Amino acid sequence: MRRLGSELTTVATDNIPFTPETLAARWQCSAQHIRDLINRKKLRCFRVGRLYRIPYDAVIDIENGEAAEVAKPTNPPDVRVVSVPQTL
């Protein structure tokens, strides 16, 4: 509990977002593995400046096996390889 003015308030910790480091400690893996999951769109996150934050509900979804890939494209873009002539 935290005292604000003359009243006591309870600070809810259930919905505080994780950092890659705190989630890595919870899952017993490296923080780099967490960042890799984020980069591969396997773990939902948001950014605060340059910092990653992982929402509590995203962690619970994965732990319960309910998470799907994040940002899965509906129609993948048509990719073509084109050769570009080099000029010297």
Protein backbone atom coordinates (compact mmCIF):
# COMPACT_ATOMS: atom_id res chain seq x y z
CA MET A 1 0.00 0.00 0.00
CA ARG A 2 1.08 3.53 -0.67
CA ARG A 3 0.16 6.63 1.30
CA LEU A 4 -1.14 9.46 -0.87
CA GLY A 5 -1.99 12.46 1.23
CA SER A 6 -4.05 11.27 4.17
CA GLU A 7 -5.45 8.12 2.56
CA LEU A 8 -3.95 4.73 1.91
CA THR A 9 -4.26 3.32 -1.58
CA THR A 10 -3.50 -0.10 -2.95
CA VAL A 11 -1.28 -0.19 -6.01
CA ALA A 12 -2.32 -2.97 -8.38
CA THR A 13 0.69 -4.82 -9.71
CA ASP A 14 -1.18 -7.34 -11.85
CA ASN A 15 -1.34 -5.15 -14.91
CA ILE A 16 2.10 -3.55 -14.82
CA PRO A 17 3.85 -4.21 -18.15
CA PHE A 18 7.02 -6.28 -18.23
CA THR A 19 10.42 -5.23 -19.48
CA PRO A 20 12.37 -7.79 -21.52
CA GLU A 21 14.54 -8.34 -18.43
CA THR A 22 11.68 -8.91 -15.99
CA LEU A 23 9.85 -11.22 -18.39
CA ALA A 24 13.09 -13.13 -19.01
CA ALA A 25 13.40 -13.70 -15.26
CA ARG A 26 9.80 -14.95 -15.11
CA TRP A 27 10.28 -17.32 -18.07
CA GLN A 28 13.86 -18.26 -17.09
CA CYS A 29 15.36 -17.28 -20.43
CA SER A 30 17.51 -14.42 -21.70
CA ALA A 31 16.31 -10.88 -22.32
CA GLN A 32 17.68 -11.24 -25.85
CA HIS A 33 15.31 -14.18 -26.43
CA ILE A 34 12.39 -11.95 -25.39
CA ARG A 35 13.56 -9.24 -27.81
CA ASP A 36 13.87 -11.89 -30.55
CA LEU A 37 10.25 -12.95 -29.92
CA ILE A 38 9.20 -9.31 -30.22
CA ASN A 39 11.15 -8.83 -33.46
CA ARG A 40 9.64 -12.01 -34.94
CA LYS A 41 6.14 -10.75 -34.02
CA LYS A 42 5.57 -13.66 -31.64
CA LEU A 43 5.17 -11.41 -28.61
CA ARG A 44 3.05 -8.27 -28.48
CA CYS A 45 4.68 -5.15 -27.09
CA PHE A 46 4.56 -1.38 -27.11
CA ARG A 47 7.36 1.15 -26.97
CA VAL A 48 8.09 3.90 -24.51
CA GLY A 49 10.68 5.90 -26.38
CA ARG A 50 13.31 3.32 -27.26
CA LEU A 51 12.25 0.87 -24.55
CA TYR A 52 10.10 -2.22 -25.04
CA ARG A 53 7.22 -2.94 -22.68
CA ILE A 54 5.23 -6.18 -22.84
CA PRO A 55 1.60 -5.94 -21.66
CA TYR A 56 0.63 -8.22 -18.79
CA ASP A 57 -2.26 -9.70 -20.77
CA ALA A 58 0.06 -10.60 -23.68
CA VAL A 59 2.22 -12.60 -21.25
CA ILE A 60 -0.81 -14.37 -19.77
CA ASP A 61 -2.12 -15.19 -23.26
CA ILE A 62 1.16 -16.86 -24.21
CA GLU A 63 1.41 -18.71 -20.91
CA ASN A 64 -2.12 -20.04 -21.44
CA GLY A 65 -1.37 -21.01 -25.04
CA GLU A 66 -3.87 -18.51 -26.43
CA ALA A 67 -1.50 -16.19 -28.29
CA ALA A 68 -1.49 -16.08 -32.05
CA GLU A 69 1.12 -14.40 -34.21
CA VAL A 70 1.06 -10.65 -33.92
CA ALA A 71 0.58 -8.61 -37.08
CA LYS A 72 0.02 -11.59 -39.32
CA PRO A 73 -0.50 -10.14 -42.82
CA THR A 74 -3.76 -11.08 -44.50
CA ASN A 75 -2.32 -10.87 -48.01
CA PRO A 76 1.46 -11.11 -48.19
CA PRO A 77 3.00 -8.57 -50.55
CA ASP A 78 4.08 -9.72 -53.98
CA VAL A 79 7.88 -9.78 -53.86
CA ARG A 80 9.93 -9.84 -57.04
CA VAL A 81 13.70 -9.96 -57.34
CA VAL A 82 15.05 -7.53 -59.90
CA SER A 83 18.64 -7.33 -61.05
CA VAL A 84 20.05 -3.84 -61.18
CA PRO A 85 22.93 -3.15 -63.58
CA GLN A 86 26.02 -1.81 -61.88
CA THR A 87 27.58 1.35 -63.23
CA LEU A 88 31.13 2.32 -62.51
